C-alpha atoms as a PDB file:
ATOM      1  CA  MET A   1      11.072   3.733   2.051  1.00  0.00           C
ATOM      2  CA  ARG A   2       7.669   4.350   0.523  1.00  0.00           C
ATOM      3  CA  VAL A   3       7.567   4.283  -3.277  1.00  0.00           C
ATOM      4  CA  VAL A   4       6.204   7.496  -4.804  1.00  0.00           C
ATOM      5  CA  CYS A   5       5.436   6.906  -8.465  1.00  0.00           C
ATOM      6  CA  PRO A   6       6.165   9.355 -11.300  1.00  0.00           C
ATOM      7  CA  ALA A   7       4.175  12.573 -10.892  1.00  0.00           C
ATOM      8  CA  VAL A   8       0.908  13.064 -12.738  1.00  0.00           C
ATOM      9  CA  HIS A   9      -1.478  16.022 -12.797  1.00  0.00           C
ATOM     10  CA  LEU A  10      -3.973  15.844  -9.914  1.00  0.00           C
ATOM     11  CA  PRO A  11      -7.211  17.798 -10.426  1.00  0.00           C
ATOM     12  CA  GLU A  12      -8.229  20.169  -7.637  1.00  0.00           C
ATOM     13  CA  THR A  13     -11.348  18.073  -6.993  1.00  0.00           C
ATOM     14  CA  ALA A  14      -9.096  15.125  -6.047  1.00  0.00           C
ATOM     15  CA  ASP A  15     -11.011  12.782  -8.310  1.00  0.00           C
ATOM     16  CA  PHE A  16      -9.501   9.836 -10.151  1.00  0.00           C
ATOM     17  CA  SER A  17      -9.137  11.336 -13.622  1.00  0.00           C
ATOM     18  CA  HIS A  18      -5.344  11.171 -13.335  1.00  0.00           C
ATOM     19  CA  LEU A  19      -5.515   7.367 -13.225  1.00  0.00           C
ATOM     20  CA  THR A  20      -5.048   6.754 -16.914  1.00  0.00           C
ATOM     21  CA  PRO A  21      -4.177   3.205 -18.031  1.00  0.00           C
ATOM     22  CA  GLU A  22      -0.617   4.350 -18.725  1.00  0.00           C
ATOM     23  CA  ALA A  23      -0.277   5.884 -15.247  1.00  0.00           C
ATOM     24  CA  VAL A  24      -1.643   2.763 -13.554  1.00  0.00           C
ATOM     25  CA  ILE A  25       0.632   0.420 -15.511  1.00  0.00           C
ATOM     26  CA  ASN A  26       3.668   2.611 -14.807  1.00  0.00           C
ATOM     27  CA  ALA A  27       2.799   2.641 -11.108  1.00  0.00           C
ATOM     28  CA  VAL A  28       2.594  -1.151 -10.925  1.00  0.00           C
ATOM     29  CA  GLU A  29       5.917  -1.507 -12.726  1.00  0.00           C
ATOM     30  CA  ALA A  30       7.582   1.043 -10.431  1.00  0.00           C
ATOM     31  CA  VAL A  31       6.324  -0.621  -7.250  1.00  0.00           C
ATOM     32  CA  LEU A  32       6.808  -4.287  -8.107  1.00  0.00           C
ATOM     33  CA  GLY A  33       9.811  -3.954 -10.392  1.00  0.00           C
ATOM     34  CA  VAL A  34       8.178  -6.128 -13.037  1.00  0.00           C
ATOM     35  CA  ALA A  35       7.258  -5.578 -16.661  1.00  0.00           C
ATOM     36  CA  CYS A  36       3.565  -5.219 -17.431  1.00  0.00           C
ATOM     37  CA  ALA A  37       1.665  -6.103 -20.564  1.00  0.00           C
ATOM     38  CA  ASN A  38      -0.481  -3.429 -22.170  1.00  0.00           C
ATOM     39  CA  ILE A  39      -3.555  -4.548 -20.191  1.00  0.00           C
ATOM     40  CA  CYS A  40      -5.363  -2.366 -17.645  1.00  0.00           C
ATOM     41  CA  ARG A  41      -9.032  -3.143 -17.045  1.00  0.00           C
ATOM     42  CA  PRO A  42     -11.198  -1.157 -14.589  1.00  0.00           C
ATOM     43  CA  LEU A  43     -13.194  -3.295 -12.152  1.00  0.00           C
ATOM     44  CA  ASN A  44     -16.402  -2.416 -10.330  1.00  0.00           C
ATOM     45  CA  SER A  45     -15.867  -0.423  -7.139  1.00  0.00           C
ATOM     46  CA  TYR A  46     -18.197   2.172  -5.643  1.00  0.00           C
ATOM     47  CA  ILE A  47     -15.712   4.075  -3.485  1.00  0.00           C
ATOM     48  CA  ASN A  48     -12.221   3.322  -4.747  1.00  0.00           C
ATOM     49  CA  ARG A  49     -10.805   2.706  -8.204  1.00  0.00           C
ATOM     50  CA  VAL A  50      -9.649  -0.826  -8.886  1.00  0.00           C
ATOM     51  CA  TYR A  51      -7.805  -2.115 -11.945  1.00  0.00           C
ATOM     52  CA  GLU A  52      -6.748  -5.511 -13.226  1.00  0.00           C
ATOM     53  CA  VAL A  53      -3.254  -5.152 -14.663  1.00  0.00           C
ATOM     54  CA  GLY A  54      -1.630  -7.765 -16.880  1.00  0.00           C
ATOM     55  CA  LEU A  55       1.993  -8.795 -16.397  1.00  0.00           C
ATOM     56  CA  ASP A  56       4.429  -9.812 -19.109  1.00  0.00           C
ATOM     57  CA  ASP A  57       4.647 -13.307 -17.630  1.00  0.00           C
ATOM     58  CA  GLY A  58       0.924 -13.837 -18.267  1.00  0.00           C
ATOM     59  CA  GLY A  59      -0.205 -13.246 -14.704  1.00  0.00           C
ATOM     60  CA  TYR A  60      -2.387 -10.483 -13.317  1.00  0.00           C
ATOM     61  CA  VAL A  61      -2.412  -8.226 -10.289  1.00  0.00           C
ATOM     62  CA  ILE A  62      -5.089  -5.957  -8.855  1.00  0.00           C
ATOM     63  CA  ALA A  63      -4.207  -2.306  -8.205  1.00  0.00           C
ATOM     64  CA  LYS A  64      -6.528  -0.657  -5.673  1.00  0.00           C
ATOM     65  CA  PHE A  65      -6.490   3.152  -5.509  1.00  0.00           C
ATOM     66  CA  TYR A  66      -8.137   4.516  -2.380  1.00  0.00           C
ATOM     67  CA  ARG A  67     -10.526   7.454  -2.509  1.00  0.00           C
ATOM     68  CA  PRO A  68      -8.654  10.559  -1.304  1.00  0.00           C
ATOM     69  CA  GLY A  69      -9.955  11.957   1.956  1.00  0.00           C
ATOM     70  CA  ARG A  70     -11.780   8.847   3.141  1.00  0.00           C
ATOM     71  CA  TRP A  71      -8.914   7.360   5.146  1.00  0.00           C
ATOM     72  CA  ASP A  72      -5.561   8.839   5.999  1.00  0.00           C
ATOM     73  CA  GLU A  73      -2.285   7.017   5.477  1.00  0.00           C
ATOM     74  CA  THR A  74      -2.159   5.459   8.953  1.00  0.00           C
ATOM     75  CA  ALA A  75      -5.709   4.123   8.628  1.00  0.00           C
ATOM     76  CA  LEU A  76      -4.903   2.548   5.263  1.00  0.00           C
ATOM     77  CA  GLN A  77      -1.742   1.062   6.724  1.00  0.00           C
ATOM     78  CA  ASP A  78      -3.878  -0.437   9.517  1.00  0.00           C
ATOM     79  CA  GLU A  79      -5.962  -2.260   6.902  1.00  0.00           C
ATOM     80  CA  LEU A  80      -2.963  -3.590   5.009  1.00  0.00           C
ATOM     81  CA  ASP A  81      -1.115  -4.606   8.182  1.00  0.00           C
ATOM     82  CA  PHE A  82      -4.191  -6.493   9.408  1.00  0.00           C
ATOM     83  CA  LEU A  83      -4.388  -8.370   6.107  1.00  0.00           C
ATOM     84  CA  ALA A  84      -0.691  -9.230   6.304  1.00  0.00           C
ATOM     85  CA  GLU A  85      -1.098 -10.476   9.889  1.00  0.00           C
ATOM     86  CA  LEU A  86      -4.077 -12.596   8.913  1.00  0.00           C
ATOM     87  CA  ALA A  87      -2.213 -14.130   5.994  1.00  0.00           C
ATOM     88  CA  GLU A  88       0.781 -14.884   8.217  1.00  0.00           C
ATOM     89  CA  ALA A  89      -1.593 -16.659  10.620  1.00  0.00           C
ATOM     90  CA  GLU A  90      -2.939 -18.652   7.635  1.00  0.00           C
ATOM     91  CA  VAL A  91      -6.360 -17.039   7.792  1.00  0.00           C
ATOM     92  CA  PRO A  92      -7.642 -17.123   4.194  1.00  0.00           C
ATOM     93  CA  VAL A  93      -7.566 -13.537   2.917  1.00  0.00           C
ATOM     94  CA  VAL A  94      -5.981 -11.836  -0.085  1.00  0.00           C
ATOM     95  CA  PRO A  95      -2.982  -9.959   1.368  1.00  0.00           C
ATOM     96  CA  PRO A  96      -1.280  -7.034  -0.379  1.00  0.00           C
ATOM     97  CA  LEU A  97       1.896  -7.635  -2.340  1.00  0.00           C
ATOM     98  CA  PRO A  98       4.968  -5.902  -0.914  1.00  0.00           C
ATOM     99  CA  GLY A  99       6.795  -3.573  -3.240  1.00  0.00           C
ATOM    100  CA  ARG A 100      10.503  -3.692  -3.967  1.00  0.00           C
ATOM    101  CA  THR A 101      11.177  -1.795  -0.730  1.00  0.00           C
ATOM    102  CA  GLY A 102       8.913  -4.058   1.334  1.00  0.00           C
ATOM    103  CA  GLN A 103       6.196  -1.415   1.694  1.00  0.00           C
ATOM    104  CA  LEU A 104       2.521  -2.295   1.278  1.00  0.00           C
ATOM    105  CA  LEU A 105       1.130   1.217   0.718  1.00  0.00           C
ATOM    106  CA  HIS A 106       2.215   3.399  -2.188  1.00  0.00           C
ATOM    107  CA  GLU A 107       1.335   6.762  -3.714  1.00  0.00           C
ATOM    108  CA  LEU A 108       0.498   8.052  -7.177  1.00  0.00           C
ATOM    109  CA  GLY A 109      -0.314  11.754  -7.489  1.00  0.00           C
ATOM    110  CA  HIS A 110      -1.435  12.036  -3.845  1.00  0.00           C
ATOM    111  CA  THR A 111      -3.637   8.957  -4.264  1.00  0.00           C
ATOM    112  CA  ASP A 112      -2.694   6.035  -2.023  1.00  0.00           C
ATOM    113  CA  PHE A 113      -2.812   2.562  -3.508  1.00  0.00           C
ATOM    114  CA  ALA A 114      -1.953  -1.057  -2.845  1.00  0.00           C
ATOM    115  CA  ILE A 115      -1.385  -4.018  -5.139  1.00  0.00           C
ATOM    116  CA  PHE A 116      -2.887  -7.463  -4.609  1.00  0.00           C
ATOM    117  CA  PRO A 117      -2.580 -10.819  -6.346  1.00  0.00           C
ATOM    118  CA  LYS A 118      -5.558 -11.718  -8.493  1.00  0.00           C
ATOM    119  CA  ARG A 119      -7.630 -14.494  -6.909  1.00  0.00           C
ATOM    120  CA  GLY A 120     -10.602 -16.102  -8.619  1.00  0.00           C
ATOM    121  CA  GLY A 121     -13.435 -18.055  -7.055  1.00  0.00           C
ATOM    122  CA  ARG A 122     -17.188 -18.320  -6.651  1.00  0.00           C
ATOM    123  CA  PRO A 123     -19.487 -16.148  -4.547  1.00  0.00           C
ATOM    124  CA  LEU A 124     -21.005 -17.691  -1.449  1.00  0.00           C
ATOM    125  CA  ASP A 125     -23.994 -19.836  -2.409  1.00  0.00           C
ATOM    126  CA  GLU A 126     -27.031 -20.265  -0.175  1.00  0.00           C
ATOM    127  CA  PRO A 127     -25.378 -21.665   2.975  1.00  0.00           C
ATOM    128  CA  ASN A 128     -26.361 -24.944   4.593  1.00  0.00           C
ATOM    129  CA  SER A 129     -25.701 -25.896   8.207  1.00  0.00           C
ATOM    130  CA  ASN A 130     -22.178 -27.101   7.423  1.00  0.00           C
ATOM    131  CA  THR A 131     -21.406 -23.873   5.581  1.00  0.00           C
ATOM    132  CA  TRP A 132     -22.565 -21.781   8.552  1.00  0.00           C
ATOM    133  CA  VAL A 133     -20.285 -23.769  10.849  1.00  0.00           C
ATOM    134  CA  GLN A 134     -17.339 -23.223   8.482  1.00  0.00           C
ATOM    135  CA  LEU A 135     -18.051 -19.499   8.373  1.00  0.00           C
ATOM    136  CA  GLY A 136     -18.136 -19.377  12.158  1.00  0.00           C
ATOM    137  CA  ARG A 137     -14.696 -20.971  12.299  1.00  0.00           C
ATOM    138  CA  LEU A 138     -13.388 -18.468   9.771  1.00  0.00           C
ATOM    139  CA  LEU A 139     -14.687 -15.513  11.792  1.00  0.00           C
ATOM    140  CA  ALA A 140     -13.142 -16.842  14.995  1.00  0.00           C
ATOM    141  CA  ARG A 141      -9.751 -17.286  13.361  1.00  0.00           C
ATOM    142  CA  MET A 142      -9.909 -13.723  12.062  1.00  0.00           C
ATOM    143  CA  HIS A 143     -10.947 -12.376  15.474  1.00  0.00           C
ATOM    144  CA  ALA A 144      -8.174 -14.284  17.242  1.00  0.00           C
ATOM    145  CA  VAL A 145      -5.704 -12.254  15.190  1.00  0.00           C
ATOM    146  CA  GLY A 146      -7.792  -9.097  15.513  1.00  0.00           C
ATOM    147  CA  ALA A 147      -7.651  -9.269  19.308  1.00  0.00           C
ATOM    148  CA  ARG A 148      -3.841  -9.148  19.419  1.00  0.00           C
ATOM    149  CA  HIS A 149      -3.652  -5.354  19.397  1.00  0.00           C
ATOM    150  CA  ARG A 150      -5.548  -2.229  18.433  1.00  0.00           C
ATOM    151  CA  PRO A 151      -5.031  -0.372  15.145  1.00  0.00           C
ATOM    152  CA  ARG A 152      -3.585   3.127  15.200  1.00  0.00           C
ATOM    153  CA  ASN A 153      -6.321   5.018  13.401  1.00  0.00           C
ATOM    154  CA  ARG A 154      -9.509   3.079  12.717  1.00  0.00           C
ATOM    155  CA  ILE A 155     -13.050   4.017  13.636  1.00  0.00           C
ATOM    156  CA  THR A 156     -14.603   2.438  16.748  1.00  0.00           C
ATOM    157  CA  LEU A 157     -18.121   1.055  16.330  1.00  0.00           C
ATOM    158  CA  HIS A 158     -19.896   2.705  19.222  1.00  0.00           C
ATOM    159  CA  PRO A 159     -23.019   4.910  19.262  1.00  0.00           C
ATOM    160  CA  HIS A 160     -21.068   7.808  20.752  1.00  0.00           C
ATOM    161  CA  HIS A 161     -18.149   7.462  18.350  1.00  0.00           C
ATOM    162  CA  SER A 162     -18.864   6.116  14.867  1.00  0.00           C
ATOM    163  CA  THR A 163     -22.526   7.143  14.888  1.00  0.00           C
ATOM    164  CA  ARG A 164     -21.640  10.648  16.046  1.00  0.00           C
ATOM    165  CA  LEU A 165     -19.034  10.980  13.289  1.00  0.00           C
ATOM    166  CA  HIS A 166     -21.487   9.769  10.632  1.00  0.00           C
ATOM    167  CA  LEU A 167     -24.169  12.161  11.869  1.00  0.00           C
ATOM    168  CA  GLU A 168     -21.759  15.102  11.809  1.00  0.00           C
ATOM    169  CA  TYR A 169     -20.792  14.295   8.242  1.00  0.00           C
ATOM    170  CA  ILE A 170     -24.406  13.955   7.084  1.00  0.00           C
ATOM    171  CA  LEU A 171     -25.394  17.255   8.697  1.00  0.00           C
ATOM    172  CA  GLN A 172     -22.428  19.049   7.129  1.00  0.00           C
ATOM    173  CA  SER A 173     -22.749  17.438   3.692  1.00  0.00           C
ATOM    174  CA  GLY A 174     -25.599  19.651   2.521  1.00  0.00           C
ATOM    175  CA  THR A 175     -27.649  16.646   1.414  1.00  0.00           C
ATOM    176  CA  LEU A 176     -30.230  16.831   4.220  1.00  0.00           C
ATOM    177  CA  PRO A 177     -33.128  19.299   3.669  1.00  0.00           C
ATOM    178  CA  SER A 178     -33.049  22.032   6.304  1.00  0.00           C
ATOM    179  CA  GLY A 179     -36.668  21.377   7.243  1.00  0.00           C
ATOM    180  CA  LEU A 180     -35.865  17.785   8.235  1.00  0.00           C
ATOM    181  CA  ALA A 181     -32.400  18.250   9.734  1.00  0.00           C
ATOM    182  CA  ARG A 182     -33.520  18.745  13.338  1.00  0.00           C
ATOM    183  CA  THR A 183     -35.912  15.772  13.190  1.00  0.00           C
ATOM    184  CA  TYR A 184     -33.193  13.545  11.750  1.00  0.00           C
ATOM    185  CA  GLU A 185     -30.608  14.715  14.271  1.00  0.00           C
ATOM    186  CA  LYS A 186     -33.064  14.154  17.133  1.00  0.00           C
ATOM    187  CA  ILE A 187     -33.922  10.550  16.251  1.00  0.00           C
ATOM    188  CA  VAL A 188     -30.235   9.688  15.753  1.00  0.00           C
ATOM    189  CA  ALA A 189     -29.300  11.248  19.107  1.00  0.00           C
ATOM    190  CA  GLU A 190     -32.115   9.346  20.810  1.00  0.00           C
ATOM    191  CA  LEU A 191     -30.925   6.080  19.277  1.00  0.00           C
ATOM    192  CA  ALA A 192     -27.342   6.748  20.356  1.00  0.00           C
ATOM    193  CA  ASP A 193     -28.352   7.505  23.942  1.00  0.00           C
ATOM    194  CA  LEU A 194     -30.676   4.487  24.021  1.00  0.00           C
ATOM    195  CA  THR A 195     -28.100   1.992  22.764  1.00  0.00           C
ATOM    196  CA  ALA A 196     -24.795   3.260  24.197  1.00  0.00           C
ATOM    197  CA  PRO A 197     -25.278   1.575  27.620  1.00  0.00           C
ATOM    198  CA  GLU A 198     -25.529  -1.810  25.868  1.00  0.00           C
ATOM    199  CA  PHE A 199     -21.892  -1.485  24.797  1.00  0.00           C
ATOM    200  CA  GLU A 200     -20.519  -1.148  28.327  1.00  0.00           C
ATOM    201  CA  GLY A 201     -18.086  -3.941  29.158  1.00  0.00           C
ATOM    202  CA  VAL A 202     -18.136  -5.392  25.625  1.00  0.00           C
ATOM    203  CA  GLU A 203     -14.755  -6.509  24.278  1.00  0.00           C
ATOM    204  CA  MET A 204     -13.626  -4.445  21.302  1.00  0.00           C
ATOM    205  CA  LEU A 205     -11.178  -5.808  18.746  1.00  0.00           C
ATOM    206  CA  ARG A 206     -10.152  -5.454  15.133  1.00  0.00           C
ATOM    207  CA  ILE A 207     -12.993  -6.746  12.963  1.00  0.00           C
ATOM    208  CA  HIS A 208     -13.821  -6.937   9.269  1.00  0.00           C
ATOM    209  CA  GLY A 209     -16.655  -4.445   9.733  1.00  0.00           C
ATOM    210  CA  ASP A 210     -18.516  -5.198   6.483  1.00  0.00           C
ATOM    211  CA  CYS A 211     -18.796  -8.972   6.639  1.00  0.00           C
ATOM    212  CA  HIS A 212     -21.736  -9.707   4.351  1.00  0.00           C
ATOM    213  CA  ARG A 213     -21.957 -12.578   1.876  1.00  0.00           C
ATOM    214  CA  GLY A 214     -20.688 -10.458  -1.007  1.00  0.00           C
ATOM    215  CA  ASN A 215     -17.335 -10.190   0.758  1.00  0.00           C
ATOM    216  CA  ILE A 216     -16.816 -13.937   1.014  1.00  0.00           C
ATOM    217  CA  LEU A 217     -15.295 -15.896  -1.855  1.00  0.00           C
ATOM    218  CA  HIS A 218     -15.190 -19.677  -2.209  1.00  0.00           C
ATOM    219  CA  ARG A 219     -12.086 -21.096  -3.862  1.00  0.00           C
ATOM    220  CA  PRO A 220     -12.277 -24.777  -4.840  1.00  0.00           C
ATOM    221  CA  GLY A 221      -9.846 -26.804  -2.777  1.00  0.00           C
ATOM    222  CA  GLU A 222      -9.147 -23.858  -0.454  1.00  0.00           C
ATOM    223  CA  GLY A 223     -12.497 -23.020   1.104  1.00  0.00           C
ATOM    224  CA  PHE A 224     -13.803 -19.574   2.007  1.00  0.00           C
ATOM    225  CA  HIS A 225     -11.776 -16.368   1.761  1.00  0.00           C
ATOM    226  CA  LEU A 226     -12.604 -13.010   3.339  1.00  0.00           C
ATOM    227  CA  LEU A 227     -12.459 -10.045   0.963  1.00  0.00           C
ATOM    228  CA  ASP A 228     -12.562  -6.241   1.104  1.00  0.00           C
ATOM    229  CA  PHE A 229     -11.342  -4.948   4.467  1.00  0.00           C
ATOM    230  CA  ASP A 230     -12.091  -1.312   3.532  1.00  0.00           C
ATOM    231  CA  ASP A 231     -14.419  -0.926   6.522  1.00  0.00           C
ATOM    232  CA  MET A 232     -12.118  -2.637   9.007  1.00  0.00           C
ATOM    233  CA  ALA A 233     -12.897  -1.196  12.418  1.00  0.00           C
ATOM    234  CA  VAL A 234     -12.617  -1.678  16.149  1.00  0.00           C
ATOM    235  CA  GLY A 235     -15.840  -3.212  17.359  1.00  0.00           C
ATOM    236  CA  PRO A 236     -17.602  -6.169  18.959  1.00  0.00           C
ATOM    237  CA  ALA A 237     -17.186  -9.598  17.367  1.00  0.00           C
ATOM    238  CA  VAL A 238     -20.941  -9.851  16.804  1.00  0.00           C
ATOM    239  CA  GLN A 239     -20.724  -7.128  14.120  1.00  0.00           C
ATOM    240  CA  ASP A 240     -19.133  -9.677  11.793  1.00  0.00           C
ATOM    241  CA  VAL A 241     -21.811 -12.239  12.676  1.00  0.00           C
ATOM    242  CA  TRP A 242     -25.097 -10.407  12.273  1.00  0.00           C
ATOM    243  CA  MET A 243     -24.423  -9.121   8.761  1.00  0.00           C
ATOM    244  CA  LEU A 244     -24.172 -12.714   7.529  1.00  0.00           C
ATOM    245  CA  LEU A 245     -27.542 -13.725   8.946  1.00  0.00           C
ATOM    246  CA  PRO A 246     -30.451 -13.974   6.466  1.00  0.00           C
ATOM    247  CA  ASP A 247     -32.927 -12.219   8.774  1.00  0.00           C
ATOM    248  CA  ARG A 248     -33.306 -10.685  12.203  1.00  0.00           C
ATOM    249  CA  LEU A 249     -32.066 -12.907  15.003  1.00  0.00           C
ATOM    250  CA  ARG A 250     -35.531 -14.118  16.038  1.00  0.00           C
ATOM    251  CA  ALA A 251     -36.022 -15.531  12.518  1.00  0.00           C
ATOM    252  CA  ALA A 252     -32.440 -16.757  12.047  1.00  0.00           C
ATOM    253  CA  ARG A 253     -31.718 -18.600  15.292  1.00  0.00           C
ATOM    254  CA  PHE A 254     -30.690 -21.777  13.486  1.00  0.00           C
ATOM    255  CA  GLU A 255     -28.114 -19.996  11.325  1.00  0.00           C
ATOM    256  CA  ALA A 256     -26.820 -18.028  14.312  1.00  0.00           C
ATOM    257  CA  GLU A 257     -26.399 -21.176  16.394  1.00  0.00           C
ATOM    258  CA  CYS A 258     -24.482 -22.872  13.567  1.00  0.00           C
ATOM    259  CA  LEU A 259     -22.192 -19.846  13.260  1.00  0.00           C
ATOM    260  CA  ILE A 260     -21.603 -19.822  17.004  1.00  0.00           C
ATOM    261  CA  GLU A 261     -20.926 -23.572  17.014  1.00  0.00           C
ATOM    262  CA  GLY A 262     -18.188 -23.100  14.430  1.00  0.00           C
ATOM    263  CA  TYR A 263     -16.871 -19.981  16.147  1.00  0.00           C
ATOM    264  CA  GLU A 264     -16.431 -21.814  19.433  1.00  0.00           C
ATOM    265  CA  THR A 265     -14.124 -24.334  17.758  1.00  0.00           C
ATOM    266  CA  PHE A 266     -11.460 -21.648  18.229  1.00  0.00           C
ATOM    267  CA  LEU A 267     -12.822 -18.973  20.579  1.00  0.00           C
ATOM    268  CA  PRO A 268     -15.597 -18.624  23.148  1.00  0.00           C
ATOM    269  CA  PHE A 269     -18.403 -16.561  21.661  1.00  0.00           C
ATOM    270  CA  PRO A 270     -19.822 -13.788  23.883  1.00  0.00           C
ATOM    271  CA  ARG A 271     -23.508 -14.700  23.627  1.00  0.00           C
ATOM    272  CA  GLU A 272     -24.506 -11.699  25.681  1.00  0.00           C
ATOM    273  CA  SER A 273     -23.340  -9.556  22.755  1.00  0.00           C
ATOM    274  CA  LEU A 274     -26.266 -10.799  20.660  1.00  0.00           C
ATOM    275  CA  ARG A 275     -28.224  -7.975  22.288  1.00  0.00           C
ATOM    276  CA  LEU A 276     -26.095  -5.578  20.222  1.00  0.00           C
ATOM    277  CA  ILE A 277     -27.418  -6.792  16.871  1.00  0.00           C
ATOM    278  CA  GLU A 278     -30.309  -4.354  16.609  1.00  0.00           C
ATOM    279  CA  PRO A 279     -28.272  -1.374  17.901  1.00  0.00           C
ATOM    280  CA  LEU A 280     -25.579  -2.265  15.359  1.00  0.00           C
ATOM    281  CA  ARG A 281     -28.218  -2.471  12.646  1.00  0.00           C
ATOM    282  CA  ALA A 282     -29.344   1.067  13.507  1.00  0.00           C
ATOM    283  CA  MET A 283     -25.719   2.209  13.367  1.00  0.00           C
ATOM    284  CA  ARG A 284     -25.416   0.553   9.976  1.00  0.00           C
ATOM    285  CA  PHE A 285     -28.226   2.762   8.691  1.00  0.00           C
ATOM    286  CA  LEU A 286     -26.119   5.812   9.560  1.00  0.00           C
ATOM    287  CA  HIS A 287     -22.973   4.257   8.123  1.00  0.00           C
ATOM    288  CA  TYR A 288     -24.670   3.592   4.796  1.00  0.00           C
ATOM    289  CA  THR A 289     -26.320   7.013   4.619  1.00  0.00           C
ATOM    290  CA  ALA A 290     -22.994   8.737   5.289  1.00  0.00           C
ATOM    291  CA  TRP A 291     -21.382   6.511   2.652  1.00  0.00           C
ATOM    292  CA  CYS A 292     -24.005   7.577   0.108  1.00  0.00           C
ATOM    293  CA  ALA A 293     -23.526  11.236   1.036  1.00  0.00           C
ATOM    294  CA  ARG A 294     -19.829  10.860   0.216  1.00  0.00           C
ATOM    295  CA  GLN A 295     -20.676   9.362  -3.184  1.00  0.00           C
ATOM    296  CA  LYS A 296     -23.240  12.035  -4.029  1.00  0.00           C
ATOM    297  CA  ALA A 297     -20.679  14.101  -5.941  1.00  0.00           C
ATOM    298  CA  ASP A 298     -20.056  11.229  -8.357  1.00  0.00           C
ATOM    299  CA  GLY A 299     -22.186  11.382 -11.487  1.00  0.00           C
ATOM    300  CA  GLY A 300     -22.296   7.596 -11.612  1.00  0.00           C
ATOM    301  CA  PHE A 301     -23.893   7.450  -8.182  1.00  0.00           C
ATOM    302  CA  ALA A 302     -26.687   9.791  -9.283  1.00  0.00           C
ATOM    303  CA  ARG A 303     -27.544   7.365 -12.078  1.00  0.00           C
ATOM    304  CA  LEU A 304     -27.486   4.366  -9.732  1.00  0.00           C
ATOM    305  CA  ALA A 305     -29.617   6.021  -7.046  1.00  0.00           C
ATOM    306  CA  PRO A 306     -31.657   8.767  -8.733  1.00  0.00           C
ATOM    307  CA  GLY A 307     -33.987   9.268  -5.754  1.00  0.00           C
ATOM    308  CA  TRP A 308     -31.293   9.533  -3.126  1.00  0.00           C
ATOM    309  CA  GLY A 309     -31.285  12.772  -1.142  1.00  0.00           C
ATOM    310  CA  THR A 310     -34.800  13.900  -2.054  1.00  0.00           C
ATOM    311  CA  THR A 311     -37.202  15.080   0.637  1.00  0.00           C
ATOM    312  CA  ASP A 312     -39.172  11.848   0.290  1.00  0.00           C
ATOM    313  CA  PHE A 313     -35.962   9.867   0.721  1.00  0.00           C
ATOM    314  CA  TRP A 314     -35.108  11.612   4.003  1.00  0.00           C
ATOM    315  CA  ARG A 315     -38.638  11.214   5.309  1.00  0.00           C
ATOM    316  CA  GLN A 316     -38.334   7.486   4.674  1.00  0.00           C
ATOM    317  CA  GLU A 317     -34.943   7.431   6.415  1.00  0.00           C
ATOM    318  CA  ILE A 318     -36.461   9.058   9.489  1.00  0.00           C
ATOM    319  CA  ALA A 319     -39.353   6.581   9.459  1.00  0.00           C
ATOM    320  CA  ASP A 320     -36.913   3.656   9.177  1.00  0.00           C
ATOM    321  CA  LEU A 321     -34.889   4.935  12.133  1.00  0.00           C
ATOM    322  CA  GLU A 322     -38.051   5.359  14.198  1.00  0.00           C
ATOM    323  CA  ARG A 323     -39.073   1.767  13.408  1.00  0.00           C
ATOM    324  CA  GLN A 324     -35.611   0.561  14.340  1.00  0.00           C
ATOM    325  CA  ARG A 325     -35.811   2.427  17.640  1.00  0.00           C
ATOM    326  CA  GLN A 326     -39.069   0.617  18.382  1.00  0.00           C
ATOM    327  CA  GLU A 327     -37.448  -2.698  17.427  1.00  0.00           C
ATOM    328  CA  ILE A 328     -34.706  -2.031  19.979  1.00  0.00           C
ATOM    329  CA  LEU A 329     -37.204  -1.040  22.662  1.00  0.00           C
ATOM    330  CA  ASP A 330     -39.287  -4.161  22.027  1.00  0.00           C
ATOM    331  CA  ALA A 331     -36.189  -6.362  22.351  1.00  0.00           C
ATOM    332  CA  SER A 332     -35.043  -4.801  25.625  1.00  0.00           C
END
């Protein structure tokens, strides 16, 4: 059964104010059946709330509380199950710790959370050719597991699916000035119609979805680990390749070839999917804008991005999308 921790007051706005240190520590103790020390440190996280919790035995765990409304329970379970599968296949990730009942996903005051072991390491340095090959191998091993089956409730990276959903959210969020809404909607629709045919016949599988260098950790003696599967999705394998590249493909051919060389140690790489890089980049623009729109209600976000959502901001967004459309046309 799923562990539901002792009730706490949940504000109507469904924010995280109910996650007091005492509530977090009690939740960890209830789920793991261990005694905690009086240590609960908040860690940086834009969307979720993440805490380092000390245990009486001197160890630490990480409690990750997911933002209400972003993913439903089945989607969160998809993420945790994928991590557990990867760990079982000896792909280096940080899998969730099962609770006393064996469950990976838990609940505190209508906020879903999971608990992970604390893992230290170094961020990915500037890669050399050998590093790129190693990263390619890591991606292939992840994708070999990802191809086993589809998740139950994860977004599909496709211009007529994920992009449409992001556009709908942006238009309904109230952040887009009414005088620019039609122009923005038009350029996004044109991009979706332009790029959708490129996805025909492309294999779709479970992918990391946000595989940039900040989500790769190097642990001495263990190699590279993949972190943060929040944006796990169904999509083409190349999505997890292009975000690692230091530049557009034409200026990063060497790095791409090294990645592909490592990838093909375990799996054939669909080179024809390289044509999807620029369409996926355009889709990433929408993904990030929708992400920011969701954070707009947070006071901390307003301090981090004071110009976000202004008329000048949206004009620049439209100009960037128009340039990206031309980039796609030039590459076709």
